[in-house]
Amino acid sequence: MPVCPCGHATERGAPLPLSDCCGPLLDGEAAPTAERLMRSRYTDFVLGREAYVLATWHASTRPAELSLDAHKWLGLEVRSHTLCGPDAAEVEFVARFRVGGKAVRQHERSRFVREVGRWFYLDGKL
């Protein structure tokens, strides 16, 4: 069983399998929190699929199309998850990847909104 790329683990630190972590979200289950949505979006980036990333991007800021670069994703660290209201949240994270042999860290504060029971990525500041 493949391990979920998002790095989510059990209380004992064991990595979760994709089927018990982001897999159900990628298959259409609603993310229960903005953090879980962010983790599932990272997983989709790792898997190189664009449809889920676009589908979970809020319509007001979603690009018409998306071309995922062929990065070698190295890991994700979630630094904080803050509720900013009943239907708004912010997730701070660091995603590490390699481009052309060079290691890169993307440190971002992403904003999320919940509409009709589903979380959506709104925007982020690097």
N, C-alpha and C. Protein backbone atom coordinates (compact mmCIF):
# COMPACT_ATOMS: atom_id res chain seq x y z
N MET A 1 0.85 -1.18 0.00
CA MET A 1 0.00 0.00 0.00
C MET A 1 0.90 1.25 0.00
N PRO A 2 0.73 2.16 -0.97
CA PRO A 2 1.59 3.34 -1.01
C PRO A 2 1.32 4.30 0.16
N VAL A 3 2.39 4.91 0.64
CA VAL A 3 2.29 5.90 1.72
C VAL A 3 1.82 7.22 1.13
N CYS A 4 1.00 7.93 1.86
CA CYS A 4 0.50 9.22 1.40
C CYS A 4 1.65 10.23 1.36
N PRO A 5 1.82 10.94 0.26
CA PRO A 5 2.90 11.92 0.14
C PRO A 5 2.79 13.12 1.07
N CYS A 6 1.61 13.40 1.62
CA CYS A 6 1.43 14.61 2.42
C CYS A 6 2.14 14.56 3.77
N GLY A 7 2.60 13.39 4.17
CA GLY A 7 3.35 13.29 5.42
C GLY A 7 2.51 13.15 6.67
N HIS A 8 1.19 13.10 6.54
CA HIS A 8 0.32 12.92 7.70
C HIS A 8 0.62 11.57 8.33
N ALA A 9 0.64 11.51 9.64
CA ALA A 9 1.03 10.28 10.33
C ALA A 9 0.09 9.98 11.49
N THR A 10 0.18 8.75 11.98
CA THR A 10 -0.60 8.36 13.15
C THR A 10 -0.03 9.05 14.38
N GLU A 11 -0.71 8.92 15.51
CA GLU A 11 -0.23 9.50 16.77
C GLU A 11 1.15 8.96 17.14
N ARG A 12 1.46 7.75 16.71
CA ARG A 12 2.76 7.14 17.00
C ARG A 12 3.83 7.47 15.96
N GLY A 13 3.44 8.29 14.96
CA GLY A 13 4.40 8.73 13.96
C GLY A 13 4.51 7.86 12.73
N ALA A 14 3.69 6.82 12.64
CA ALA A 14 3.72 5.95 11.46
C ALA A 14 3.03 6.65 10.30
N PRO A 15 3.64 6.64 9.11
CA PRO A 15 3.00 7.29 7.96
C PRO A 15 1.70 6.59 7.59
N LEU A 16 0.73 7.39 7.16
CA LEU A 16 -0.56 6.84 6.76
C LEU A 16 -0.52 6.41 5.30
N PRO A 17 -1.19 5.30 4.99
CA PRO A 17 -1.30 4.92 3.57
C PRO A 17 -2.20 5.92 2.84
N LEU A 18 -1.95 6.09 1.56
CA LEU A 18 -2.73 7.00 0.73
C LEU A 18 -4.23 6.70 0.86
N SER A 19 -4.60 5.43 0.91
CA SER A 19 -6.02 5.05 0.98
C SER A 19 -6.69 5.47 2.29
N ASP A 20 -5.90 5.71 3.34
CA ASP A 20 -6.45 6.13 4.64
C ASP A 20 -6.23 7.62 4.91
N CYS A 21 -5.66 8.32 3.95
CA CYS A 21 -5.32 9.72 4.17
C CYS A 21 -5.96 10.58 3.07
N CYS A 22 -5.19 10.96 2.08
CA CYS A 22 -5.68 11.86 1.02
C CYS A 22 -6.45 11.15 -0.08
N GLY A 23 -6.29 9.85 -0.21
CA GLY A 23 -6.95 9.10 -1.27
C GLY A 23 -8.45 9.36 -1.37
N PRO A 24 -9.21 9.23 -0.26
CA PRO A 24 -10.65 9.47 -0.34
C PRO A 24 -11.00 10.91 -0.77
N LEU A 25 -10.18 11.89 -0.38
CA LEU A 25 -10.43 13.28 -0.78
C LEU A 25 -10.20 13.44 -2.28
N LEU A 26 -9.14 12.82 -2.78
CA LEU A 26 -8.86 12.88 -4.22
C LEU A 26 -9.97 12.21 -5.02
N ASP A 27 -10.68 11.28 -4.39
CA ASP A 27 -11.79 10.58 -5.04
C ASP A 27 -13.14 11.29 -4.86
N GLY A 28 -13.15 12.47 -4.23
CA GLY A 28 -14.38 13.24 -4.14
C GLY A 28 -14.95 13.49 -2.76
N GLU A 29 -14.42 12.84 -1.73
CA GLU A 29 -14.90 13.09 -0.37
C GLU A 29 -14.53 14.52 0.04
N ALA A 30 -15.42 15.21 0.74
CA ALA A 30 -15.15 16.58 1.19
C ALA A 30 -14.10 16.57 2.30
N ALA A 31 -13.14 17.48 2.21
CA ALA A 31 -12.12 17.61 3.25
C ALA A 31 -12.77 18.18 4.51
N PRO A 32 -12.50 17.59 5.69
CA PRO A 32 -13.14 18.08 6.91
C PRO A 32 -12.54 19.39 7.41
N THR A 33 -11.29 19.71 7.01
CA THR A 33 -10.63 20.94 7.44
C THR A 33 -9.84 21.52 6.26
N ALA A 34 -9.49 22.80 6.39
CA ALA A 34 -8.65 23.44 5.38
C ALA A 34 -7.28 22.77 5.33
N GLU A 35 -6.76 22.37 6.48
CA GLU A 35 -5.46 21.68 6.49
C GLU A 35 -5.52 20.39 5.68
N ARG A 36 -6.56 19.62 5.88
CA ARG A 36 -6.68 18.37 5.11
C ARG A 36 -6.81 18.65 3.62
N LEU A 37 -7.53 19.72 3.25
CA LEU A 37 -7.62 20.08 1.84
C LEU A 37 -6.24 20.45 1.31
N MET A 38 -5.49 21.26 2.06
CA MET A 38 -4.16 21.66 1.63
C MET A 38 -3.26 20.44 1.45
N ARG A 39 -3.32 19.51 2.40
CA ARG A 39 -2.51 18.29 2.29
C ARG A 39 -2.89 17.48 1.05
N SER A 40 -4.18 17.39 0.77
CA SER A 40 -4.62 16.63 -0.40
C SER A 40 -4.22 17.33 -1.70
N ARG A 41 -4.21 18.65 -1.70
CA ARG A 41 -3.75 19.38 -2.88
C ARG A 41 -2.26 19.14 -3.10
N TYR A 42 -1.47 19.12 -2.02
CA TYR A 42 -0.04 18.80 -2.14
C TYR A 42 0.12 17.40 -2.73
N THR A 43 -0.64 16.45 -2.22
CA THR A 43 -0.58 15.08 -2.73
C THR A 43 -0.87 15.04 -4.22
N ASP A 44 -1.86 15.82 -4.65
CA ASP A 44 -2.20 15.85 -6.07
C ASP A 44 -1.06 16.46 -6.89
N PHE A 45 -0.39 17.48 -6.35
CA PHE A 45 0.78 18.03 -7.03
C PHE A 45 1.85 16.95 -7.18
N VAL A 46 2.08 16.18 -6.12
CA VAL A 46 3.08 15.10 -6.16
C VAL A 46 2.71 14.09 -7.23
N LEU A 47 1.43 13.76 -7.32
CA LEU A 47 0.97 12.77 -8.30
C LEU A 47 0.90 13.34 -9.71
N GLY A 48 1.03 14.68 -9.83
CA GLY A 48 1.07 15.31 -11.14
C GLY A 48 -0.26 15.42 -11.85
N ARG A 49 -1.34 15.42 -11.09
CA ARG A 49 -2.68 15.53 -11.70
C ARG A 49 -3.19 16.95 -11.47
N GLU A 50 -3.84 17.52 -12.46
CA GLU A 50 -4.28 18.91 -12.38
C GLU A 50 -5.75 19.07 -12.03
N ALA A 51 -6.58 18.10 -12.34
CA ALA A 51 -8.02 18.25 -12.20
C ALA A 51 -8.44 18.54 -10.75
N TYR A 52 -7.89 17.81 -9.79
CA TYR A 52 -8.27 18.00 -8.39
C TYR A 52 -7.82 19.37 -7.89
N VAL A 53 -6.60 19.77 -8.25
CA VAL A 53 -6.10 21.08 -7.83
C VAL A 53 -7.04 22.17 -8.33
N LEU A 54 -7.44 22.11 -9.58
CA LEU A 54 -8.37 23.11 -10.13
C LEU A 54 -9.75 23.02 -9.48
N ALA A 55 -10.24 21.83 -9.26
CA ALA A 55 -11.58 21.65 -8.68
C ALA A 55 -11.66 22.16 -7.25
N THR A 56 -10.54 22.19 -6.53
CA THR A 56 -10.54 22.64 -5.14
C THR A 56 -10.06 24.09 -5.00
N TRP A 57 -9.91 24.78 -6.11
CA TRP A 57 -9.51 26.18 -6.15
C TRP A 57 -10.77 27.01 -6.24
N HIS A 58 -10.93 28.01 -5.40
CA HIS A 58 -12.15 28.83 -5.39
C HIS A 58 -12.36 29.49 -6.76
N ALA A 59 -13.60 29.49 -7.22
CA ALA A 59 -13.93 30.02 -8.55
C ALA A 59 -13.49 31.47 -8.74
N SER A 60 -13.45 32.26 -7.67
CA SER A 60 -13.10 33.68 -7.80
C SER A 60 -11.61 33.91 -8.10
N THR A 61 -10.77 32.93 -7.83
CA THR A 61 -9.32 33.09 -8.05
C THR A 61 -8.72 31.97 -8.90
N ARG A 62 -9.54 31.02 -9.32
CA ARG A 62 -9.05 29.86 -10.08
C ARG A 62 -8.59 30.27 -11.48
N PRO A 63 -7.40 29.81 -11.89
CA PRO A 63 -6.98 30.07 -13.26
C PRO A 63 -7.79 29.22 -14.24
N ALA A 64 -7.84 29.65 -15.49
CA ALA A 64 -8.59 28.91 -16.50
C ALA A 64 -7.96 27.55 -16.76
N GLU A 65 -6.64 27.49 -16.67
CA GLU A 65 -5.95 26.21 -16.84
C GLU A 65 -4.71 26.22 -15.96
N LEU A 66 -4.16 25.05 -15.79
CA LEU A 66 -3.01 24.90 -14.91
C LEU A 66 -2.07 23.88 -15.53
N SER A 67 -0.82 24.21 -15.53
CA SER A 67 0.19 23.27 -16.02
C SER A 67 1.15 23.02 -14.87
N LEU A 68 1.10 21.82 -14.32
CA LEU A 68 1.97 21.49 -13.20
C LEU A 68 3.37 21.22 -13.72
N ASP A 69 4.32 21.90 -13.12
CA ASP A 69 5.72 21.67 -13.48
C ASP A 69 6.16 20.31 -12.98
N ALA A 70 7.11 19.74 -13.67
CA ALA A 70 7.63 18.42 -13.29
C ALA A 70 8.67 18.57 -12.20
N HIS A 71 8.21 18.88 -11.00
CA HIS A 71 9.10 18.97 -9.84
C HIS A 71 9.26 17.60 -9.21
N LYS A 72 10.37 17.41 -8.55
CA LYS A 72 10.56 16.24 -7.69
C LYS A 72 10.22 16.73 -6.29
N TRP A 73 9.02 16.36 -5.81
CA TRP A 73 8.55 16.83 -4.50
C TRP A 73 9.25 16.03 -3.41
N LEU A 74 9.74 16.75 -2.38
CA LEU A 74 10.56 16.14 -1.34
C LEU A 74 9.88 16.06 0.02
N GLY A 75 8.86 16.87 0.25
CA GLY A 75 8.19 16.80 1.54
C GLY A 75 7.36 18.02 1.86
N LEU A 76 6.52 17.86 2.85
CA LEU A 76 5.60 18.90 3.29
C LEU A 76 5.65 19.02 4.80
N GLU A 77 5.74 20.25 5.28
CA GLU A 77 5.67 20.53 6.72
C GLU A 77 4.56 21.55 6.93
N VAL A 78 3.52 21.16 7.65
CA VAL A 78 2.45 22.09 8.00
C VAL A 78 2.85 22.77 9.30
N ARG A 79 2.98 24.08 9.26
CA ARG A 79 3.42 24.83 10.45
C ARG A 79 2.26 25.30 11.31
N SER A 80 1.13 25.64 10.67
CA SER A 80 -0.03 26.05 11.47
C SER A 80 -1.30 25.94 10.64
N HIS A 81 -2.40 25.77 11.36
CA HIS A 81 -3.74 25.75 10.77
C HIS A 81 -4.60 26.60 11.69
N THR A 82 -5.09 27.73 11.18
CA THR A 82 -5.82 28.68 12.00
C THR A 82 -7.21 28.92 11.42
N LEU A 83 -8.24 28.73 12.24
CA LEU A 83 -9.59 29.11 11.82
C LEU A 83 -9.71 30.62 11.98
N CYS A 84 -10.17 31.29 10.94
CA CYS A 84 -10.32 32.75 10.93
C CYS A 84 -11.79 33.15 10.97
N GLY A 85 -12.65 32.21 11.20
CA GLY A 85 -14.10 32.39 11.22
C GLY A 85 -14.72 31.04 10.95
N PRO A 86 -16.04 30.94 10.95
CA PRO A 86 -16.68 29.64 10.74
C PRO A 86 -16.42 29.04 9.36
N ASP A 87 -16.16 29.88 8.37
CA ASP A 87 -15.96 29.40 7.01
C ASP A 87 -14.70 29.96 6.36
N ALA A 88 -13.70 30.26 7.18
CA ALA A 88 -12.43 30.79 6.67
C ALA A 88 -11.30 30.22 7.51
N ALA A 89 -10.19 29.93 6.86
CA ALA A 89 -9.03 29.38 7.56
C ALA A 89 -7.75 29.75 6.83
N GLU A 90 -6.66 29.64 7.55
CA GLU A 90 -5.34 29.88 6.97
C GLU A 90 -4.44 28.71 7.35
N VAL A 91 -3.64 28.26 6.40
CA VAL A 91 -2.69 27.18 6.63
C VAL A 91 -1.32 27.67 6.22
N GLU A 92 -0.37 27.61 7.15
CA GLU A 92 1.01 27.94 6.84
C GLU A 92 1.77 26.65 6.64
N PHE A 93 2.53 26.57 5.56
CA PHE A 93 3.26 25.34 5.27
C PHE A 93 4.56 25.64 4.54
N VAL A 94 5.43 24.65 4.54
CA VAL A 94 6.65 24.66 3.74
C VAL A 94 6.64 23.38 2.91
N ALA A 95 6.69 23.56 1.59
CA ALA A 95 6.79 22.42 0.67
C ALA A 95 8.19 22.46 0.07
N ARG A 96 8.84 21.31 0.06
CA ARG A 96 10.18 21.23 -0.50
C ARG A 96 10.14 20.43 -1.80
N PHE A 97 10.89 20.93 -2.79
CA PHE A 97 10.96 20.22 -4.07
C PHE A 97 12.29 20.52 -4.74
N ARG A 98 12.56 19.77 -5.77
CA ARG A 98 13.81 19.92 -6.52
C ARG A 98 13.46 20.27 -7.97
N VAL A 99 14.15 21.28 -8.50
CA VAL A 99 13.97 21.70 -9.88
C VAL A 99 15.35 21.77 -10.52
N GLY A 100 15.55 21.00 -11.58
CA GLY A 100 16.83 21.00 -12.27
C GLY A 100 18.00 20.74 -11.35
N GLY A 101 17.80 19.88 -10.38
CA GLY A 101 18.87 19.53 -9.44
C GLY A 101 19.02 20.50 -8.27
N LYS A 102 18.26 21.59 -8.26
CA LYS A 102 18.35 22.58 -7.19
C LYS A 102 17.19 22.43 -6.21
N ALA A 103 17.51 22.38 -4.92
CA ALA A 103 16.49 22.27 -3.88
C ALA A 103 15.81 23.62 -3.67
N VAL A 104 14.48 23.59 -3.55
CA VAL A 104 13.68 24.81 -3.37
C VAL A 104 12.72 24.59 -2.21
N ARG A 105 12.52 25.64 -1.41
CA ARG A 105 11.53 25.62 -0.33
C ARG A 105 10.46 26.65 -0.65
N GLN A 106 9.21 26.22 -0.67
CA GLN A 106 8.09 27.14 -0.86
C GLN A 106 7.40 27.31 0.48
N HIS A 107 7.58 28.48 1.10
CA HIS A 107 6.96 28.79 2.39
C HIS A 107 5.76 29.68 2.08
N GLU A 108 4.57 29.21 2.42
CA GLU A 108 3.35 29.92 2.03
C GLU A 108 2.34 29.95 3.16
N ARG A 109 1.58 31.03 3.20
CA ARG A 109 0.38 31.13 4.04
C ARG A 109 -0.79 31.14 3.07
N SER A 110 -1.56 30.07 3.08
CA SER A 110 -2.68 29.92 2.16
C SER A 110 -3.99 30.22 2.87
N ARG A 111 -4.89 30.89 2.16
CA ARG A 111 -6.22 31.18 2.69
C ARG A 111 -7.22 30.24 2.03
N PHE A 112 -8.18 29.78 2.85
CA PHE A 112 -9.21 28.86 2.40
C PHE A 112 -10.57 29.38 2.84
N VAL A 113 -11.59 29.07 2.05
CA VAL A 113 -12.97 29.40 2.41
C VAL A 113 -13.81 28.13 2.26
N ARG A 114 -14.87 28.07 3.07
CA ARG A 114 -15.79 26.94 2.99
C ARG A 114 -17.12 27.43 2.45
N GLU A 115 -17.60 26.73 1.41
CA GLU A 115 -18.89 27.03 0.82
C GLU A 115 -19.65 25.73 0.64
N VAL A 116 -20.89 25.75 1.07
CA VAL A 116 -21.78 24.59 0.95
C VAL A 116 -21.07 23.32 1.47
N GLY A 117 -20.39 23.47 2.60
CA GLY A 117 -19.77 22.33 3.27
C GLY A 117 -18.45 21.85 2.67
N ARG A 118 -17.91 22.56 1.68
CA ARG A 118 -16.64 22.15 1.06
C ARG A 118 -15.62 23.28 1.18
N TRP A 119 -14.38 22.90 1.52
CA TRP A 119 -13.29 23.86 1.59
C TRP A 119 -12.70 24.08 0.20
N PHE A 120 -12.28 25.34 -0.06
CA PHE A 120 -11.64 25.70 -1.32
C PHE A 120 -10.40 26.57 -1.02
N TYR A 121 -9.35 26.36 -1.79
CA TYR A 121 -8.18 27.21 -1.74
C TYR A 121 -8.54 28.56 -2.36
N LEU A 122 -8.25 29.65 -1.65
CA LEU A 122 -8.56 30.98 -2.16
C LEU A 122 -7.32 31.63 -2.76
N ASP A 123 -6.28 31.78 -1.94
CA ASP A 123 -5.03 32.36 -2.42
C ASP A 123 -3.95 32.14 -1.36
N GLY A 124 -2.76 32.57 -1.70
CA GLY A 124 -1.66 32.38 -0.77
C GLY A 124 -0.60 33.45 -0.93
N LYS A 125 0.17 33.66 0.14
CA LYS A 125 1.29 34.61 0.12
C LYS A 125 2.55 33.84 0.42
N LEU A 126 3.53 34.02 -0.45
CA LEU A 126 4.83 33.35 -0.28
C LEU A 126 5.67 34.11 0.71
